[in-house]
């Protein structure tokens, strides 16, 4: 679909069959049935966003997250291309009540259209994107009631490192939590 060139080894293919149609991992979501749905339709579709009654583990996780609403609820995801996995991401955000969602491998550029596409209602988004090389990129979604400060002073200490730092309030009004996101780990 994207007419991109992929090495069979890089795409994880062990056997190549000539003449067989193949879709790269970045485009495969665009051919699935829900690809024509808007992000709003997916987020608002209560039936899709709720776990099935049989999924006890998911129900328990959601129950615990709701019970711990006064604690900082943090999730990290490796998105492997934010624009191609965004609709699945919205389902996850709708299902699991998180305060901060950190991301690696966003594959975003500083282009207004894709950045607008990956906006999430009720969350502020902060990204550090790669401009010159494919892949990489880190970001975070912060639930809007949370006051946060981006710590660019820390990021400037190692400008070649792909990292993003956020400071959020701690449990009491005098404490602070520092969250660091790199393309490898969350600190």
C-alpha atoms as a PDB file:
ATOM      1  CA  UNK A   1       0.000   0.000   0.000  1.00  0.00           C
ATOM      2  CA  UNK A   2       2.821   2.416   0.850  1.00  0.00           C
ATOM      3  CA  UNK A   3       5.012   1.100  -1.969  1.00  0.00           C
ATOM      4  CA  UNK A   4       7.855   0.926   0.525  1.00  0.00           C
ATOM      5  CA  UNK A   5      10.740  -1.393  -0.101  1.00  0.00           C
ATOM      6  CA  UNK A   6      11.252  -3.991   2.611  1.00  0.00           C
ATOM      7  CA  UNK A   7      14.052  -6.483   3.025  1.00  0.00           C
ATOM      8  CA  UNK A   8      12.567  -9.924   3.650  1.00  0.00           C
ATOM      9  CA  UNK A   9      14.929 -10.385   6.619  1.00  0.00           C
ATOM     10  CA  UNK A  10      13.986  -6.990   8.150  1.00  0.00           C
ATOM     11  CA  UNK A  11      10.282  -7.781   7.772  1.00  0.00           C
ATOM     12  CA  UNK A  12      10.773 -11.084   9.608  1.00  0.00           C
ATOM     13  CA  UNK A  13       9.960 -13.258   6.597  1.00  0.00           C
ATOM     14  CA  UNK A  14      11.662 -16.634   6.630  1.00  0.00           C
ATOM     15  CA  UNK A  15      10.345 -17.817   3.253  1.00  0.00           C
ATOM     16  CA  UNK A  16       9.635 -15.626   0.264  1.00  0.00           C
ATOM     17  CA  UNK A  17       7.132 -16.883  -2.292  1.00  0.00           C
ATOM     18  CA  UNK A  18       7.372 -14.983  -5.549  1.00  0.00           C
ATOM     19  CA  UNK A  19       4.070 -13.755  -6.949  1.00  0.00           C
ATOM     20  CA  UNK A  20       2.365 -13.756  -3.525  1.00  0.00           C
ATOM     21  CA  UNK A  21       0.745 -10.476  -2.464  1.00  0.00           C
ATOM     22  CA  UNK A  22       2.202  -9.209   0.807  1.00  0.00           C
ATOM     23  CA  UNK A  23       1.469  -6.136   2.932  1.00  0.00           C
ATOM     24  CA  UNK A  24       4.131  -4.611   5.161  1.00  0.00           C
ATOM     25  CA  UNK A  25       3.540  -4.286   8.908  1.00  0.00           C
ATOM     26  CA  UNK A  26       3.108  -0.516   8.658  1.00  0.00           C
ATOM     27  CA  UNK A  27       0.213  -0.852   6.197  1.00  0.00           C
ATOM     28  CA  UNK A  28      -1.523  -4.007   7.395  1.00  0.00           C
ATOM     29  CA  UNK A  29      -3.920  -2.104   9.688  1.00  0.00           C
ATOM     30  CA  UNK A  30      -5.180  -0.038   6.765  1.00  0.00           C
ATOM     31  CA  UNK A  31      -6.692  -3.144   5.152  1.00  0.00           C
ATOM     32  CA  UNK A  32      -8.540  -4.354   8.265  1.00  0.00           C
ATOM     33  CA  UNK A  33     -12.329  -3.837   8.482  1.00  0.00           C
ATOM     34  CA  UNK A  34     -12.182  -1.102  11.151  1.00  0.00           C
ATOM     35  CA  UNK A  35      -9.663   1.024   9.236  1.00  0.00           C
ATOM     36  CA  UNK A  36     -12.511   3.045   7.669  1.00  0.00           C
ATOM     37  CA  UNK A  37     -13.880   4.011  11.112  1.00  0.00           C
ATOM     38  CA  UNK A  38     -12.981   7.398  12.503  1.00  0.00           C
ATOM     39  CA  UNK A  39     -11.133   7.607  15.815  1.00  0.00           C
ATOM     40  CA  UNK A  40     -14.225   9.137  17.430  1.00  0.00           C
ATOM     41  CA  UNK A  41     -16.387   6.183  16.336  1.00  0.00           C
ATOM     42  CA  UNK A  42     -13.986   3.728  17.929  1.00  0.00           C
ATOM     43  CA  UNK A  43     -13.628   5.657  21.201  1.00  0.00           C
ATOM     44  CA  UNK A  44     -17.380   6.172  21.505  1.00  0.00           C
ATOM     45  CA  UNK A  45     -18.276   2.569  20.673  1.00  0.00           C
ATOM     46  CA  UNK A  46     -18.959   1.248  24.168  1.00  0.00           C
ATOM     47  CA  UNK A  47     -19.234  -2.346  22.998  1.00  0.00           C
ATOM     48  CA  UNK A  48     -15.750  -2.354  21.468  1.00  0.00           C
ATOM     49  CA  UNK A  49     -14.099  -0.513  24.330  1.00  0.00           C
ATOM     50  CA  UNK A  50     -15.312  -2.790  27.137  1.00  0.00           C
ATOM     51  CA  UNK A  51     -13.701  -6.140  27.771  1.00  0.00           C
ATOM     52  CA  UNK A  52     -15.789  -9.274  27.427  1.00  0.00           C
ATOM     53  CA  UNK A  53     -17.524 -10.627  30.524  1.00  0.00           C
ATOM     54  CA  UNK A  54     -15.368 -13.759  30.388  1.00  0.00           C
ATOM     55  CA  UNK A  55     -12.077 -11.926  30.623  1.00  0.00           C
ATOM     56  CA  UNK A  56     -11.549 -12.000  34.393  1.00  0.00           C
ATOM     57  CA  UNK A  57      -7.966 -10.755  34.265  1.00  0.00           C
ATOM     58  CA  UNK A  58      -8.865  -7.658  32.279  1.00  0.00           C
ATOM     59  CA  UNK A  59     -11.833  -6.970  34.548  1.00  0.00           C
ATOM     60  CA  UNK A  60      -9.603  -7.236  37.628  1.00  0.00           C
ATOM     61  CA  UNK A  61      -7.012  -4.870  36.159  1.00  0.00           C
ATOM     62  CA  UNK A  62      -9.679  -2.298  35.331  1.00  0.00           C
ATOM     63  CA  UNK A  63     -11.248  -2.648  38.791  1.00  0.00           C
ATOM     64  CA  UNK A  64      -7.865  -2.122  40.505  1.00  0.00           C
ATOM     65  CA  UNK A  65      -7.070   0.895  38.325  1.00  0.00           C
ATOM     66  CA  UNK A  66     -10.397   2.486  39.216  1.00  0.00           C
ATOM     67  CA  UNK A  67      -9.925   1.740  42.925  1.00  0.00           C
ATOM     68  CA  UNK A  68      -6.455   3.325  42.820  1.00  0.00           C
ATOM     69  CA  UNK A  69      -7.616   6.534  41.153  1.00  0.00           C
ATOM     70  CA  UNK A  70      -5.769   8.639  43.772  1.00  0.00           C
ATOM     71  CA  UNK A  71      -2.466   6.955  42.891  1.00  0.00           C
ATOM     72  CA  UNK A  72      -0.455   7.817  39.790  1.00  0.00           C
ATOM     73  CA  UNK A  73      -1.437   5.277  37.110  1.00  0.00           C
ATOM     74  CA  UNK A  74       1.297   4.972  34.507  1.00  0.00           C
ATOM     75  CA  UNK A  75       1.498   2.815  31.363  1.00  0.00           C
ATOM     76  CA  UNK A  76       4.263   2.467  28.788  1.00  0.00           C
ATOM     77  CA  UNK A  77       3.730   1.252  25.220  1.00  0.00           C
ATOM     78  CA  UNK A  78       6.052   0.615  22.315  1.00  0.00           C
ATOM     79  CA  UNK A  79       3.734   1.778  19.530  1.00  0.00           C
ATOM     80  CA  UNK A  80       5.796   0.726  16.502  1.00  0.00           C
ATOM     81  CA  UNK A  81       4.430   3.623  14.419  1.00  0.00           C
ATOM     82  CA  UNK A  82       1.839   5.722  16.188  1.00  0.00           C
ATOM     83  CA  UNK A  83      -0.166   6.558  13.061  1.00  0.00           C
ATOM     84  CA  UNK A  84      -0.696   2.930  12.036  1.00  0.00           C
ATOM     85  CA  UNK A  85      -1.554   1.680  15.548  1.00  0.00           C
ATOM     86  CA  UNK A  86      -3.499   4.714  16.738  1.00  0.00           C
ATOM     87  CA  UNK A  87      -6.998   3.224  16.586  1.00  0.00           C
ATOM     88  CA  UNK A  88      -5.917   0.272  18.734  1.00  0.00           C
ATOM     89  CA  UNK A  89      -4.218   2.754  21.053  1.00  0.00           C
ATOM     90  CA  UNK A  90      -7.496   4.692  21.452  1.00  0.00           C
ATOM     91  CA  UNK A  91      -9.263   1.487  22.462  1.00  0.00           C
ATOM     92  CA  UNK A  92      -6.609   0.867  25.107  1.00  0.00           C
ATOM     93  CA  UNK A  93      -6.890   4.432  26.441  1.00  0.00           C
ATOM     94  CA  UNK A  94     -10.671   4.113  26.628  1.00  0.00           C
ATOM     95  CA  UNK A  95     -10.523   0.741  28.385  1.00  0.00           C
ATOM     96  CA  UNK A  96      -7.768   1.404  30.944  1.00  0.00           C
ATOM     97  CA  UNK A  97      -7.989   4.602  33.019  1.00  0.00           C
ATOM     98  CA  UNK A  98      -4.409   5.897  33.035  1.00  0.00           C
ATOM     99  CA  UNK A  99      -2.992   9.207  34.218  1.00  0.00           C
ATOM    100  CA  UNK A 100       0.151   9.112  32.089  1.00  0.00           C
ATOM    101  CA  UNK A 101       0.868   6.979  29.048  1.00  0.00           C
ATOM    102  CA  UNK A 102       4.467   6.992  27.861  1.00  0.00           C
ATOM    103  CA  UNK A 103       5.415   5.871  24.370  1.00  0.00           C
ATOM    104  CA  UNK A 104       8.474   4.693  22.529  1.00  0.00           C
ATOM    105  CA  UNK A 105       8.958   4.073  18.814  1.00  0.00           C
ATOM    106  CA  UNK A 106       6.282   6.598  17.821  1.00  0.00           C
ATOM    107  CA  UNK A 107       7.863   7.091  14.376  1.00  0.00           C
ATOM    108  CA  UNK A 108       6.395  10.606  14.246  1.00  0.00           C
ATOM    109  CA  UNK A 109       7.837  13.698  12.602  1.00  0.00           C
ATOM    110  CA  UNK A 110       7.141  17.334  13.478  1.00  0.00           C
ATOM    111  CA  UNK A 111       4.359  17.472  10.903  1.00  0.00           C
ATOM    112  CA  UNK A 112       1.086  19.107  12.064  1.00  0.00           C
ATOM    113  CA  UNK A 113      -1.298  16.697  10.251  1.00  0.00           C
ATOM    114  CA  UNK A 114      -0.078  13.417  11.829  1.00  0.00           C
ATOM    115  CA  UNK A 115       0.336  15.124  15.203  1.00  0.00           C
ATOM    116  CA  UNK A 116      -3.285  16.285  15.032  1.00  0.00           C
ATOM    117  CA  UNK A 117      -4.370  12.776  14.014  1.00  0.00           C
ATOM    118  CA  UNK A 118      -2.816  11.271  17.153  1.00  0.00           C
ATOM    119  CA  UNK A 119      -4.435  13.716  19.577  1.00  0.00           C
ATOM    120  CA  UNK A 120      -6.487  12.099  22.346  1.00  0.00           C
ATOM    121  CA  UNK A 121      -9.446  13.924  23.931  1.00  0.00           C
ATOM    122  CA  UNK A 122      -8.817  14.631  27.613  1.00  0.00           C
ATOM    123  CA  UNK A 123      -5.030  14.261  27.333  1.00  0.00           C
ATOM    124  CA  UNK A 124      -2.162  16.663  26.650  1.00  0.00           C
ATOM    125  CA  UNK A 125       0.437  15.205  24.299  1.00  0.00           C
ATOM    126  CA  UNK A 126       4.185  15.801  24.372  1.00  0.00           C
ATOM    127  CA  UNK A 127       6.481  14.279  21.755  1.00  0.00           C
ATOM    128  CA  UNK A 128      10.148  14.254  20.889  1.00  0.00           C
ATOM    129  CA  UNK A 129      10.281  13.199  17.264  1.00  0.00           C
ATOM    130  CA  UNK A 130      13.046  12.118  14.918  1.00  0.00           C
ATOM    131  CA  UNK A 131      13.255  14.241  11.819  1.00  0.00           C
ATOM    132  CA  UNK A 132      16.136  12.839   9.816  1.00  0.00           C
ATOM    133  CA  UNK A 133      15.974   9.097  10.409  1.00  0.00           C
ATOM    134  CA  UNK A 134      13.098   6.628  10.178  1.00  0.00           C
ATOM    135  CA  UNK A 135      11.739   5.114  13.371  1.00  0.00           C
ATOM    136  CA  UNK A 136      12.353   6.101  16.960  1.00  0.00           C
ATOM    137  CA  UNK A 137      10.610   8.931  18.706  1.00  0.00           C
ATOM    138  CA  UNK A 138       9.193   9.138  22.218  1.00  0.00           C
ATOM    139  CA  UNK A 139       6.144  10.775  23.682  1.00  0.00           C
ATOM    140  CA  UNK A 140       3.645  10.951  26.497  1.00  0.00           C
ATOM    141  CA  UNK A 141      -0.047  11.553  27.010  1.00  0.00           C
ATOM    142  CA  UNK A 142      -0.857  13.268  30.294  1.00  0.00           C
ATOM    143  CA  UNK A 143      -4.440  13.292  31.584  1.00  0.00           C
ATOM    144  CA  UNK A 144      -5.491  16.963  31.473  1.00  0.00           C
ATOM    145  CA  UNK A 145      -6.248  17.470  35.187  1.00  0.00           C
ATOM    146  CA  UNK A 146      -2.562  16.718  35.925  1.00  0.00           C
ATOM    147  CA  UNK A 147      -0.276  19.742  36.016  1.00  0.00           C
ATOM    148  CA  UNK A 148       3.049  18.745  34.512  1.00  0.00           C
ATOM    149  CA  UNK A 149       6.233  20.434  33.463  1.00  0.00           C
ATOM    150  CA  UNK A 150       8.427  19.272  30.611  1.00  0.00           C
ATOM    151  CA  UNK A 151      12.018  19.219  31.848  1.00  0.00           C
ATOM    152  CA  UNK A 152      13.854  20.465  28.773  1.00  0.00           C
ATOM    153  CA  UNK A 153      16.801  21.363  31.031  1.00  0.00           C
ATOM    154  CA  UNK A 154      17.438  17.640  31.578  1.00  0.00           C
ATOM    155  CA  UNK A 155      16.936  16.844  27.873  1.00  0.00           C
ATOM    156  CA  UNK A 156      19.523  19.489  26.898  1.00  0.00           C
ATOM    157  CA  UNK A 157      22.203  17.771  29.003  1.00  0.00           C
ATOM    158  CA  UNK A 158      22.349  14.972  26.413  1.00  0.00           C
ATOM    159  CA  UNK A 159      20.939  16.446  23.196  1.00  0.00           C
ATOM    160  CA  UNK A 160      21.928  13.410  21.098  1.00  0.00           C
ATOM    161  CA  UNK A 161      19.989  11.021  23.331  1.00  0.00           C
ATOM    162  CA  UNK A 162      16.380  10.473  22.352  1.00  0.00           C
ATOM    163  CA  UNK A 163      14.653  11.213  25.648  1.00  0.00           C
ATOM    164  CA  UNK A 164      11.790  13.161  27.172  1.00  0.00           C
ATOM    165  CA  UNK A 165      11.441  14.209  30.823  1.00  0.00           C
ATOM    166  CA  UNK A 166       8.281  15.190  32.707  1.00  0.00           C
ATOM    167  CA  UNK A 167       7.791  16.429  36.239  1.00  0.00           C
ATOM    168  CA  UNK A 168       4.406  15.752  37.840  1.00  0.00           C
ATOM    169  CA  UNK A 169       3.077  16.399  41.362  1.00  0.00           C
ATOM    170  CA  UNK A 170       3.632  13.645  43.931  1.00  0.00           C
ATOM    171  CA  UNK A 171       1.232  12.417  46.599  1.00  0.00           C
ATOM    172  CA  UNK A 172       1.637  15.463  48.806  1.00  0.00           C
ATOM    173  CA  UNK A 173       1.800  19.027  47.556  1.00  0.00           C
ATOM    174  CA  UNK A 174       5.526  19.369  48.230  1.00  0.00           C
ATOM    175  CA  UNK A 175       6.718  16.246  46.410  1.00  0.00           C
ATOM    176  CA  UNK A 176       7.346  15.751  42.706  1.00  0.00           C
ATOM    177  CA  UNK A 177       7.718  12.720  40.472  1.00  0.00           C
ATOM    178  CA  UNK A 178      10.217  12.787  37.627  1.00  0.00           C
ATOM    179  CA  UNK A 179       9.423  10.552  34.629  1.00  0.00           C
ATOM    180  CA  UNK A 180      11.968   9.931  31.883  1.00  0.00           C
ATOM    181  CA  UNK A 181      11.160   8.258  28.582  1.00  0.00           C
ATOM    182  CA  UNK A 182      13.752   7.065  26.090  1.00  0.00           C
ATOM    183  CA  UNK A 183      13.418   4.911  23.025  1.00  0.00           C
ATOM    184  CA  UNK A 184      14.633   2.060  25.216  1.00  0.00           C
ATOM    185  CA  UNK A 185      13.199   2.428  28.741  1.00  0.00           C
ATOM    186  CA  UNK A 186      11.090   4.428  31.172  1.00  0.00           C
ATOM    187  CA  UNK A 187      12.957   5.669  34.280  1.00  0.00           C
END
